[in-house]
Amino acid sequence: MPFLGPLAALGTSVLWSFTSTFFSLAGRRVGSMVVNRIRLVLAVIFLMLTHWVLLGAPLPTNATPERWFWLGLSGIIGLIIGDALLFQCFVWLGPRLSMLLMSLVPVIGAALAWLFLDETLSALQMVAVTMTLAGVSSVILDRAGNNAAIVQGKRYGVGIMLGVGGAVGQAVGLITAKQGLAHGFSVLSGTLMRMIVAMVVLWLLTIGSRQGQETVRRVWQDRRALWQLLAGAFVGPFLGVYLSLVAVQLAPVGIASTLMSLPPVFLLPISHFVFGERIGARAIAGTLLAIAGVAMLMLV
């Protein structure tokens, strides 16, 4: 089936759209830090099961200490610091704007690779970067086209900075992960290793700050938030990661990556019907321009 890979990539975007929605809803009930702590535990459980089913063991037994170092560092930067900023952005700005800001990850990654890895950008890639930045900027500046409850007050500006910070964390995390995934190491194993290190470090910090019991209590007492966390972890780290691997395996990486960058588009109707956001024409046009820039950056 020649279309199975692209369909898997589209399915990944849909699943990640729902993941951000579930985590946004849970974060508004129990707080973004609680969401990050619990979702890492759930993600590790689901990924271990996936690793067991697909690769025959719950843990990667062939990983060297060097791989653990780079992937662990990637997890700390991307999954603890970057996602902590992103999840608070979910709470303050909602999933649509947050995921649109995350579309800056490939742009920031390209800039960092140019600065530190001596990777060059072609003229078309520079155009793609400009398109992405213009599209994101258009949506951010269109306060009239966004939900008034979101853009009022200081939280809007701080939320934008949190989202950009989350994108920087993800981009740096991906660059460090590239070192750990060198020489054809399994992406699924690498993802699990990143999650494990991030979970262990974050929970050591949580227990050290005496927040462990409070974290569990808040989630256990709010069953709706618990179900939202379970749903978010299941459709993202479990189904989403699996479909993304299918997409990369069966479709060209550029096409798969482009189709997997579409959550901001799918979140337009979700944000309208679930969160009651009023979405203007400028926000829609800016989102499409940003995604077109991401697509060009990945395909050229």
Protein backbone atom coordinates (compact mmCIF):
# COMPACT_ATOMS: atom_id res chain seq x y z
CA MET A 1 0.00 0.00 0.00
CA PRO A 2 1.91 3.06 -1.25
CA PHE A 3 -0.20 5.48 0.79
CA LEU A 4 0.22 3.67 4.13
CA GLY A 5 3.27 5.72 5.16
CA PRO A 6 1.70 9.15 4.46
CA LEU A 7 -1.54 8.01 6.12
CA ALA A 8 0.42 6.94 9.19
CA ALA A 9 2.08 10.38 9.27
CA LEU A 10 -1.31 12.10 9.05
CA GLY A 11 -2.60 9.82 11.80
CA THR A 12 0.38 10.84 13.93
CA SER A 13 -0.54 14.51 13.55
CA VAL A 14 -4.14 13.80 14.55
CA LEU A 15 -3.02 11.83 17.62
CA TRP A 16 -0.57 14.52 18.71
CA SER A 17 -3.33 17.10 18.32
CA PHE A 18 -5.48 15.14 20.75
CA THR A 19 -2.50 14.62 23.07
CA SER A 20 -1.96 18.36 23.41
CA THR A 21 -5.70 18.82 23.97
CA PHE A 22 -5.83 16.22 26.76
CA PHE A 23 -2.72 17.64 28.45
CA SER A 24 -4.11 21.18 28.20
CA LEU A 25 -7.35 20.12 29.88
CA ALA A 26 -5.50 18.19 32.60
CA GLY A 27 -3.04 21.03 33.17
CA ARG A 28 -5.86 23.47 33.81
CA ARG A 29 -7.19 21.14 36.52
CA VAL A 30 -4.05 20.00 38.36
CA GLY A 31 -1.22 22.23 37.09
CA SER A 32 1.40 21.89 34.39
CA MET A 33 4.15 20.48 36.64
CA VAL A 34 1.87 17.69 37.87
CA VAL A 35 1.00 16.87 34.26
CA ASN A 36 4.66 16.64 33.26
CA ARG A 37 5.56 14.40 36.21
CA ILE A 38 2.68 11.96 35.74
CA ARG A 39 2.77 11.85 31.95
CA LEU A 40 6.46 10.86 32.00
CA VAL A 41 5.63 7.86 34.20
CA LEU A 42 2.74 6.85 31.93
CA ALA A 43 4.83 7.44 28.80
CA VAL A 44 7.61 5.18 30.08
CA ILE A 45 5.09 2.41 30.83
CA PHE A 46 3.48 2.62 27.39
CA LEU A 47 6.84 2.89 25.59
CA MET A 48 8.27 -0.08 27.48
CA LEU A 49 5.27 -2.15 26.38
CA THR A 50 5.73 -0.95 22.80
CA HIS A 51 9.46 -1.72 22.94
CA TRP A 52 8.73 -5.20 24.30
CA VAL A 53 6.18 -5.98 21.58
CA LEU A 54 8.20 -4.60 18.65
CA LEU A 55 11.79 -5.31 19.71
CA GLY A 56 11.42 -8.30 22.04
CA ALA A 57 12.58 -6.69 25.30
CA PRO A 58 11.15 -4.00 27.61
CA LEU A 59 14.48 -2.14 27.73
CA PRO A 60 17.28 -1.54 25.21
CA THR A 61 20.03 -3.91 26.35
CA ASN A 62 22.53 -3.00 23.61
CA ALA A 63 22.88 0.69 24.46
CA THR A 64 26.35 1.93 25.39
CA PRO A 65 26.99 4.40 28.26
CA GLU A 66 27.76 7.06 25.64
CA ARG A 67 24.31 6.62 24.10
CA TRP A 68 22.70 6.80 27.55
CA PHE A 69 24.60 10.04 28.21
CA TRP A 70 23.54 11.82 25.02
CA LEU A 71 19.96 10.55 25.06
CA GLY A 72 19.66 11.24 28.77
CA LEU A 73 20.95 14.79 28.29
CA SER A 74 18.45 15.16 25.45
CA GLY A 75 15.65 13.98 27.74
CA ILE A 76 16.59 16.43 30.49
CA ILE A 77 16.75 19.38 28.12
CA GLY A 78 13.77 18.50 25.92
CA LEU A 79 11.39 16.57 28.17
CA ILE A 80 11.97 18.20 31.55
CA ILE A 81 12.87 21.81 30.75
CA GLY A 82 11.31 22.18 27.30
CA ASP A 83 8.09 20.33 28.11
CA ALA A 84 7.70 22.09 31.47
CA LEU A 85 7.60 25.39 29.56
CA LEU A 86 5.33 23.92 26.88
CA PHE A 87 2.80 22.50 29.35
CA GLN A 88 2.48 25.83 31.14
CA CYS A 89 1.98 27.36 27.69
CA PHE A 90 -0.82 24.82 27.14
CA VAL A 91 -2.51 26.05 30.32
CA TRP A 92 -2.24 29.76 29.50
CA LEU A 93 -2.59 29.85 25.71
CA GLY A 94 -4.34 26.59 24.85
CA PRO A 95 -3.13 23.82 22.55
CA ARG A 96 -3.59 25.66 19.23
CA LEU A 97 -1.21 28.55 19.87
CA SER A 98 1.15 26.33 21.85
CA MET A 99 1.51 23.77 19.08
CA LEU A 100 1.89 26.55 16.50
CA LEU A 101 4.82 27.87 18.51
CA MET A 102 6.24 24.34 18.53
CA SER A 103 6.32 24.49 14.73
CA LEU A 104 9.35 26.70 15.30
CA VAL A 105 11.34 23.65 16.44
CA PRO A 106 12.74 22.79 12.97
CA VAL A 107 13.54 26.46 12.37
CA ILE A 108 15.37 26.78 15.69
CA GLY A 109 17.03 23.41 15.08
CA ALA A 110 18.27 24.56 11.68
CA ALA A 111 19.63 27.77 13.19
CA LEU A 112 21.43 25.90 15.98
CA ALA A 113 22.84 23.37 13.52
CA TRP A 114 24.11 26.27 11.40
CA LEU A 115 25.73 27.92 14.43
CA PHE A 116 27.23 24.88 16.17
CA LEU A 117 27.39 22.03 13.64
CA ASP A 118 28.48 24.02 10.57
CA GLU A 119 25.40 22.90 8.63
CA THR A 120 24.55 25.37 5.88
CA LEU A 121 21.13 26.64 4.82
CA SER A 122 20.28 26.96 1.14
CA ALA A 123 18.42 29.94 -0.30
CA LEU A 124 15.16 27.95 -0.39
CA GLN A 125 15.64 26.92 3.23
CA MET A 126 16.11 30.56 4.21
CA VAL A 127 12.85 31.37 2.41
CA ALA A 128 11.18 28.52 4.30
CA VAL A 129 12.45 29.87 7.64
CA THR A 130 11.14 33.32 6.75
CA MET A 131 7.72 31.90 5.82
CA THR A 132 7.46 29.99 9.09
CA LEU A 133 8.46 32.98 11.20
CA ALA A 134 6.06 35.24 9.28
CA GLY A 135 3.17 32.81 9.72
CA VAL A 136 3.74 32.34 13.45
CA SER A 137 4.22 36.08 13.98
CA SER A 138 1.00 36.82 12.11
CA VAL A 139 -1.01 34.55 14.43
CA ILE A 140 0.68 35.86 17.59
CA LEU A 141 0.05 39.50 16.65
CA ASP A 142 -3.58 38.88 15.66
CA ARG A 143 -5.05 39.45 19.09
CA ALA A 144 -8.41 40.36 17.59
CA GLY A 145 -8.60 36.94 15.92
CA ASN A 146 -7.74 34.98 19.06
CA ASN A 147 -9.83 34.16 22.08
CA ALA A 148 -10.21 37.29 24.20
CA ALA A 149 -9.88 35.26 27.40
CA ILE A 150 -6.43 34.13 26.23
CA VAL A 151 -4.94 37.40 25.02
CA GLN A 152 -6.01 39.58 27.96
CA GLY A 153 -3.43 40.51 30.57
CA LYS A 154 0.25 39.73 30.98
CA ARG A 155 -0.16 35.98 30.60
CA TYR A 156 -0.34 36.25 26.81
CA GLY A 157 3.13 37.69 26.43
CA VAL A 158 4.61 35.40 29.07
CA GLY A 159 2.83 32.43 27.47
CA ILE A 160 4.40 33.27 24.10
CA MET A 161 7.84 33.35 25.74
CA LEU A 162 7.13 30.01 27.42
CA GLY A 163 6.13 28.49 24.08
CA VAL A 164 9.26 29.79 22.36
CA GLY A 165 11.33 28.51 25.29
CA GLY A 166 9.68 25.12 24.95
CA ALA A 167 10.52 25.08 21.23
CA VAL A 168 14.15 25.95 21.99
CA GLY A 169 14.28 23.14 24.56
CA GLN A 170 12.88 20.66 22.05
CA ALA A 171 15.29 21.79 19.34
CA VAL A 172 18.34 21.50 21.62
CA GLY A 173 17.03 18.15 22.84
CA LEU A 174 16.77 16.87 19.27
CA ILE A 175 20.30 17.98 18.44
CA THR A 176 21.73 16.18 21.47
CA ALA A 177 19.54 13.14 20.68
CA LYS A 178 21.11 13.04 17.22
CA GLN A 179 24.41 12.14 18.87
CA GLY A 180 22.80 9.27 20.77
CA LEU A 181 20.98 7.94 17.70
CA ALA A 182 24.11 7.88 15.51
CA HIS A 183 24.95 4.82 13.39
CA GLY A 184 21.37 3.63 12.96
CA PHE A 185 20.38 3.15 16.60
CA SER A 186 16.67 2.37 17.08
CA VAL A 187 14.52 5.50 17.31
CA LEU A 188 12.07 3.67 19.58
CA SER A 189 14.89 2.60 21.93
CA GLY A 190 16.25 6.14 21.92
CA THR A 191 12.84 7.61 22.71
CA LEU A 192 12.40 5.19 25.62
CA MET A 193 15.87 5.99 26.97
CA ARG A 194 15.15 9.75 26.82
CA MET A 195 11.89 9.22 28.68
CA ILE A 196 13.44 6.99 31.36
CA VAL A 197 16.24 9.44 32.21
CA ALA A 198 13.84 12.40 32.20
CA MET A 199 11.38 10.54 34.45
CA VAL A 200 14.07 9.51 36.95
CA VAL A 201 15.64 12.98 37.15
CA LEU A 202 12.32 14.81 37.40
CA TRP A 203 10.99 12.49 40.11
CA LEU A 204 14.22 12.76 42.11
CA LEU A 205 13.77 16.54 42.01
CA THR A 206 10.09 16.13 42.91
CA ILE A 207 10.81 13.88 45.89
CA GLY A 208 13.71 16.10 46.94
CA SER A 209 11.36 19.09 47.02
CA ARG A 210 8.75 17.02 48.91
CA GLN A 211 6.19 17.33 46.11
CA GLY A 212 5.81 13.63 45.33
CA GLN A 213 2.93 12.87 47.68
CA GLU A 214 1.14 16.08 46.73
CA THR A 215 1.51 15.27 43.01
CA VAL A 216 -0.04 11.81 43.42
CA ARG A 217 -2.77 13.14 45.72
CA ARG A 218 -3.85 15.88 43.30
CA VAL A 219 -4.16 13.49 40.39
CA TRP A 220 -5.84 10.74 42.41
CA GLN A 221 -8.45 13.14 43.80
CA ASP A 222 -9.23 14.58 40.37
CA ARG A 223 -10.29 11.52 38.39
CA ARG A 224 -11.17 13.55 35.30
CA ALA A 225 -7.62 14.89 35.14
CA LEU A 226 -6.32 11.33 35.67
CA TRP A 227 -8.34 10.04 32.71
CA GLN A 228 -7.20 12.99 30.59
CA LEU A 229 -3.56 12.20 31.47
CA LEU A 230 -4.06 8.52 30.65
CA ALA A 231 -5.68 9.41 27.33
CA GLY A 232 -2.95 11.91 26.46
CA ALA A 233 -0.15 9.47 27.29
CA PHE A 234 -1.84 6.63 25.39
CA VAL A 235 -2.54 8.49 22.15
CA GLY A 236 0.80 10.33 22.18
CA PRO A 237 3.79 8.30 23.46
CA PHE A 238 2.09 4.98 22.63
CA LEU A 239 0.00 5.23 19.45
CA GLY A 240 1.62 8.44 18.19
CA VAL A 241 5.18 7.15 18.51
CA TYR A 242 4.22 3.85 16.89
CA LEU A 243 2.55 5.53 13.90
CA SER A 244 5.46 7.96 13.52
CA LEU A 245 7.85 5.00 13.23
CA VAL A 246 5.59 3.41 10.61
CA ALA A 247 5.49 6.71 8.72
CA VAL A 248 9.27 7.16 8.72
CA GLN A 249 9.74 3.54 7.66
CA LEU A 250 7.27 3.57 4.77
CA ALA A 251 7.46 7.16 3.50
CA PRO A 252 10.34 9.50 2.63
CA VAL A 253 11.52 11.26 5.78
CA GLY A 254 10.83 14.74 4.40
CA ILE A 255 7.23 13.89 3.48
CA ALA A 256 6.62 12.04 6.74
CA SER A 257 8.07 14.89 8.82
CA THR A 258 5.98 17.44 6.95
CA LEU A 259 2.74 15.53 7.45
CA MET A 260 3.60 15.01 11.12
CA SER A 261 3.97 18.78 11.58
CA LEU A 262 0.26 19.43 10.95
CA PRO A 263 -1.16 19.49 14.53
CA PRO A 264 -1.62 23.30 14.44
CA VAL A 265 -3.96 22.82 11.46
CA PHE A 266 -5.95 20.00 13.06
CA LEU A 267 -6.16 22.04 16.28
CA LEU A 268 -8.04 24.86 14.54
CA PRO A 269 -11.43 23.06 14.71
CA ILE A 270 -10.56 21.33 18.01
CA SER A 271 -9.78 24.65 19.68
CA HIS A 272 -13.00 26.14 18.35
CA PHE A 273 -15.33 23.35 19.48
CA VAL A 274 -13.55 22.16 22.65
CA PHE A 275 -12.13 25.42 24.03
CA GLY A 276 -14.60 27.84 22.45
CA GLU A 277 -11.89 29.87 20.73
CA ARG A 278 -12.86 32.38 18.09
CA ILE A 279 -10.45 31.80 15.22
CA GLY A 280 -10.11 34.58 12.66
CA ALA A 281 -9.10 34.40 9.02
CA ARG A 282 -5.69 35.89 9.80
CA ALA A 283 -5.00 33.14 12.34
CA ILE A 284 -5.94 30.47 9.80
CA ALA A 285 -3.83 32.07 7.06
CA GLY A 286 -0.86 32.49 9.41
CA THR A 287 -1.08 28.88 10.54
CA LEU A 288 -1.15 27.61 6.95
CA LEU A 289 1.79 29.88 6.00
CA ALA A 290 3.82 28.59 8.97
CA ILE A 291 3.11 24.95 8.10
CA ALA A 292 3.98 25.62 4.44
CA GLY A 293 7.31 27.03 5.61
CA VAL A 294 7.97 23.97 7.76
CA ALA A 295 7.08 21.71 4.82
CA MET A 296 9.47 23.56 2.51
CA LEU A 297 12.25 23.45 5.13
CA MET A 298 11.88 19.67 5.44
CA LEU A 299 11.48 18.88 1.75
CA VAL A 300 14.17 21.02 0.09
